[in-house]
Amino acid sequence: MGKNNSDISAVLRQSIAAKIRDLMQRQGLTMETAALNIGLEYSNFYYIATGKKTPRLETLIKIASGLNVRPEYFLDNPTKQNKPPQTSALKFNILREVDKIPPSGQTLLLTFLKVYNHRSKIKP
């Protein structure tokens, strides 16, 4: 029974690592930049991204947030590499900046964008 659990853990660890590297490549991130953006020490992130260490749940949530995917993306179908929804680098950076704004500011920004979008659709 221990051997079977060990095999499952290894598959999951390698799947998470492959998905992290794929997301980094899609977003044009280096190991250093990704670790910095996520808020993890480089060595800790390196061991996770290379499949040498299984991340704790809290760390996996932090990685998911930093790479702009839902945490379950890493746990879904570990024997098959699934592709995340495509997000352009520009959209990703915009969303990251918006996340830094307090909720009241986000509401104001969203209202402004809705009004701007509505006005741009009206032909003079």
C-alpha atoms as a PDB file:
ATOM      1  CA  MET A   1       0.000   0.000   0.000  1.00  0.00           C
ATOM      2  CA  GLY A   2       2.857   2.437   0.799  1.00  0.00           C
ATOM      3  CA  LYS A   3       4.416   1.877  -2.625  1.00  0.00           C
ATOM      4  CA  ASN A   4       1.134   2.676  -4.387  1.00  0.00           C
ATOM      5  CA  ASN A   5       0.702   5.947  -2.431  1.00  0.00           C
ATOM      6  CA  SER A   6       4.287   6.859  -3.227  1.00  0.00           C
ATOM      7  CA  ASP A   7       3.647   6.276  -6.952  1.00  0.00           C
ATOM      8  CA  ILE A   8       0.516   8.447  -6.865  1.00  0.00           C
ATOM      9  CA  SER A   9       2.379  11.185  -5.026  1.00  0.00           C
ATOM     10  CA  ALA A  10       5.196  11.113  -7.592  1.00  0.00           C
ATOM     11  CA  VAL A  11       2.737  11.347 -10.488  1.00  0.00           C
ATOM     12  CA  LEU A  12       0.939  14.267  -8.852  1.00  0.00           C
ATOM     13  CA  ARG A  13       4.214  16.036  -8.023  1.00  0.00           C
ATOM     14  CA  GLN A  14       5.469  15.686 -11.605  1.00  0.00           C
ATOM     15  CA  SER A  15       2.106  16.780 -13.023  1.00  0.00           C
ATOM     16  CA  ILE A  16       2.062  19.928 -10.870  1.00  0.00           C
ATOM     17  CA  ALA A  17       5.651  20.707 -11.873  1.00  0.00           C
ATOM     18  CA  ALA A  18       4.893  20.260 -15.588  1.00  0.00           C
ATOM     19  CA  LYS A  19       1.842  22.510 -15.358  1.00  0.00           C
ATOM     20  CA  ILE A  20       3.826  25.197 -13.516  1.00  0.00           C
ATOM     21  CA  ARG A  21       6.571  25.137 -16.163  1.00  0.00           C
ATOM     22  CA  ASP A  22       3.987  25.259 -18.954  1.00  0.00           C
ATOM     23  CA  LEU A  23       2.299  28.300 -17.388  1.00  0.00           C
ATOM     24  CA  MET A  24       5.669  29.994 -16.896  1.00  0.00           C
ATOM     25  CA  GLN A  25       6.557  29.424 -20.543  1.00  0.00           C
ATOM     26  CA  ARG A  26       3.182  30.734 -21.753  1.00  0.00           C
ATOM     27  CA  GLN A  27       3.573  33.862 -19.619  1.00  0.00           C
ATOM     28  CA  GLY A  28       7.232  34.382 -20.489  1.00  0.00           C
ATOM     29  CA  LEU A  29       8.428  34.005 -16.901  1.00  0.00           C
ATOM     30  CA  THR A  30      11.788  32.787 -15.702  1.00  0.00           C
ATOM     31  CA  MET A  31      12.086  30.731 -12.534  1.00  0.00           C
ATOM     32  CA  GLU A  32      13.349  33.798 -10.678  1.00  0.00           C
ATOM     33  CA  THR A  33      10.604  36.108 -11.945  1.00  0.00           C
ATOM     34  CA  ALA A  34       7.873  33.558 -11.247  1.00  0.00           C
ATOM     35  CA  ALA A  35       9.118  32.975  -7.685  1.00  0.00           C
ATOM     36  CA  LEU A  36       9.273  36.723  -7.081  1.00  0.00           C
ATOM     37  CA  ASN A  37       5.788  37.330  -8.547  1.00  0.00           C
ATOM     38  CA  ILE A  38       4.322  34.473  -6.520  1.00  0.00           C
ATOM     39  CA  GLY A  39       6.063  35.531  -3.326  1.00  0.00           C
ATOM     40  CA  LEU A  40       8.028  32.339  -2.692  1.00  0.00           C
ATOM     41  CA  GLU A  41      11.680  31.868  -1.943  1.00  0.00           C
ATOM     42  CA  TYR A  42      13.483  30.880  -5.134  1.00  0.00           C
ATOM     43  CA  SER A  43      14.799  27.587  -3.734  1.00  0.00           C
ATOM     44  CA  ASN A  44      11.350  26.495  -2.527  1.00  0.00           C
ATOM     45  CA  PHE A  45       9.760  27.375  -5.871  1.00  0.00           C
ATOM     46  CA  TYR A  46      12.583  25.687  -7.792  1.00  0.00           C
ATOM     47  CA  TYR A  47      12.069  22.373  -5.989  1.00  0.00           C
ATOM     48  CA  ILE A  48       8.327  22.498  -6.669  1.00  0.00           C
ATOM     49  CA  ALA A  49       8.657  23.566 -10.329  1.00  0.00           C
ATOM     50  CA  THR A  50      11.180  20.811 -11.026  1.00  0.00           C
ATOM     51  CA  GLY A  51       9.071  18.116  -9.371  1.00  0.00           C
ATOM     52  CA  LYS A  52      11.481  17.461  -6.513  1.00  0.00           C
ATOM     53  CA  LYS A  53       9.035  18.626  -3.835  1.00  0.00           C
ATOM     54  CA  THR A  54       5.251  18.431  -3.450  1.00  0.00           C
ATOM     55  CA  PRO A  55       3.809  21.812  -2.462  1.00  0.00           C
ATOM     56  CA  ARG A  56       1.593  22.230   0.571  1.00  0.00           C
ATOM     57  CA  LEU A  57      -1.973  23.275  -0.170  1.00  0.00           C
ATOM     58  CA  GLU A  58      -1.347  26.877   0.957  1.00  0.00           C
ATOM     59  CA  THR A  59       1.680  27.074  -1.329  1.00  0.00           C
ATOM     60  CA  LEU A  60      -0.229  25.586  -4.253  1.00  0.00           C
ATOM     61  CA  ILE A  61      -2.961  28.205  -3.789  1.00  0.00           C
ATOM     62  CA  LYS A  62      -0.307  30.931  -3.754  1.00  0.00           C
ATOM     63  CA  ILE A  63       1.298  29.547  -6.931  1.00  0.00           C
ATOM     64  CA  ALA A  64      -2.085  29.329  -8.666  1.00  0.00           C
ATOM     65  CA  SER A  65      -2.871  32.920  -7.779  1.00  0.00           C
ATOM     66  CA  GLY A  66       0.544  34.101  -8.954  1.00  0.00           C
ATOM     67  CA  LEU A  67       0.200  32.241 -12.262  1.00  0.00           C
ATOM     68  CA  ASN A  68      -3.402  33.363 -12.814  1.00  0.00           C
ATOM     69  CA  VAL A  69      -5.129  29.962 -12.652  1.00  0.00           C
ATOM     70  CA  ARG A  70      -7.486  28.323 -10.187  1.00  0.00           C
ATOM     71  CA  PRO A  71      -5.802  25.950  -7.703  1.00  0.00           C
ATOM     72  CA  GLU A  72      -7.783  22.967  -8.980  1.00  0.00           C
ATOM     73  CA  TYR A  73      -6.030  23.362 -12.356  1.00  0.00           C
ATOM     74  CA  PHE A  74      -3.001  21.679 -10.788  1.00  0.00           C
ATOM     75  CA  LEU A  75      -5.010  18.786  -9.352  1.00  0.00           C
ATOM     76  CA  ASP A  76      -7.218  18.068 -12.351  1.00  0.00           C
ATOM     77  CA  ASN A  77      -6.273  14.900 -14.225  1.00  0.00           C
ATOM     78  CA  PRO A  78      -2.650  14.539 -13.087  1.00  0.00           C
ATOM     79  CA  THR A  79      -1.863  11.863 -15.689  1.00  0.00           C
ATOM     80  CA  LYS A  80      -2.646  14.202 -18.578  1.00  0.00           C
ATOM     81  CA  GLN A  81      -1.338  17.708 -19.289  1.00  0.00           C
ATOM     82  CA  ASN A  82      -4.398  19.922 -19.675  1.00  0.00           C
ATOM     83  CA  LYS A  83      -4.144  23.419 -21.085  1.00  0.00           C
ATOM     84  CA  PRO A  84      -5.297  26.465 -19.134  1.00  0.00           C
ATOM     85  CA  PRO A  85      -7.460  29.079 -20.772  1.00  0.00           C
ATOM     86  CA  GLN A  86      -5.328  31.393 -22.885  1.00  0.00           C
ATOM     87  CA  THR A  87      -4.637  34.769 -21.327  1.00  0.00           C
ATOM     88  CA  SER A  88      -2.460  37.221 -23.180  1.00  0.00           C
ATOM     89  CA  ALA A  89       0.503  38.683 -21.329  1.00  0.00           C
ATOM     90  CA  LEU A  90      -1.103  42.133 -21.540  1.00  0.00           C
ATOM     91  CA  LYS A  91      -4.392  40.939 -19.993  1.00  0.00           C
ATOM     92  CA  PHE A  92      -2.476  39.026 -17.337  1.00  0.00           C
ATOM     93  CA  ASN A  93      -0.468  42.132 -16.386  1.00  0.00           C
ATOM     94  CA  ILE A  94      -3.591  44.307 -16.355  1.00  0.00           C
ATOM     95  CA  LEU A  95      -5.388  41.851 -14.048  1.00  0.00           C
ATOM     96  CA  ARG A  96      -2.363  41.706 -11.773  1.00  0.00           C
ATOM     97  CA  GLU A  97      -2.328  45.518 -11.493  1.00  0.00           C
ATOM     98  CA  VAL A  98      -6.090  45.674 -10.874  1.00  0.00           C
ATOM     99  CA  ASP A  99      -5.654  43.163  -8.031  1.00  0.00           C
ATOM    100  CA  LYS A 100      -3.406  45.723  -6.308  1.00  0.00           C
ATOM    101  CA  ILE A 101      -6.233  48.311  -6.232  1.00  0.00           C
ATOM    102  CA  PRO A 102      -8.512  48.338  -3.159  1.00  0.00           C
ATOM    103  CA  PRO A 103     -12.035  46.950  -3.771  1.00  0.00           C
ATOM    104  CA  SER A 104     -13.644  50.407  -3.800  1.00  0.00           C
ATOM    105  CA  GLY A 105     -11.182  51.525  -6.474  1.00  0.00           C
ATOM    106  CA  GLN A 106     -11.853  48.370  -8.482  1.00  0.00           C
ATOM    107  CA  THR A 107     -15.587  49.154  -8.412  1.00  0.00           C
ATOM    108  CA  LEU A 108     -14.924  52.689  -9.623  1.00  0.00           C
ATOM    109  CA  LEU A 109     -12.605  51.433 -12.371  1.00  0.00           C
ATOM    110  CA  LEU A 110     -15.157  48.842 -13.507  1.00  0.00           C
ATOM    111  CA  THR A 111     -17.892  51.496 -13.638  1.00  0.00           C
ATOM    112  CA  PHE A 112     -15.636  53.766 -15.684  1.00  0.00           C
ATOM    113  CA  LEU A 113     -14.781  50.977 -18.120  1.00  0.00           C
ATOM    114  CA  LYS A 114     -18.451  50.044 -18.560  1.00  0.00           C
ATOM    115  CA  VAL A 115     -19.377  53.660 -19.328  1.00  0.00           C
ATOM    116  CA  TYR A 116     -16.419  54.033 -21.685  1.00  0.00           C
ATOM    117  CA  ASN A 117     -17.272  50.781 -23.467  1.00  0.00           C
ATOM    118  CA  HIS A 118     -20.923  51.789 -23.813  1.00  0.00           C
ATOM    119  CA  ARG A 119     -20.009  55.222 -25.212  1.00  0.00           C
ATOM    120  CA  SER A 120     -17.522  53.752 -27.676  1.00  0.00           C
ATOM    121  CA  LYS A 121     -20.298  51.545 -29.119  1.00  0.00           C
ATOM    122  CA  ILE A 122     -22.540  54.562 -29.806  1.00  0.00           C
ATOM    123  CA  LYS A 123     -21.901  55.952 -33.294  1.00  0.00           C
ATOM    124  CA  PRO A 124     -22.129  59.781 -33.540  1.00  0.00           C
END
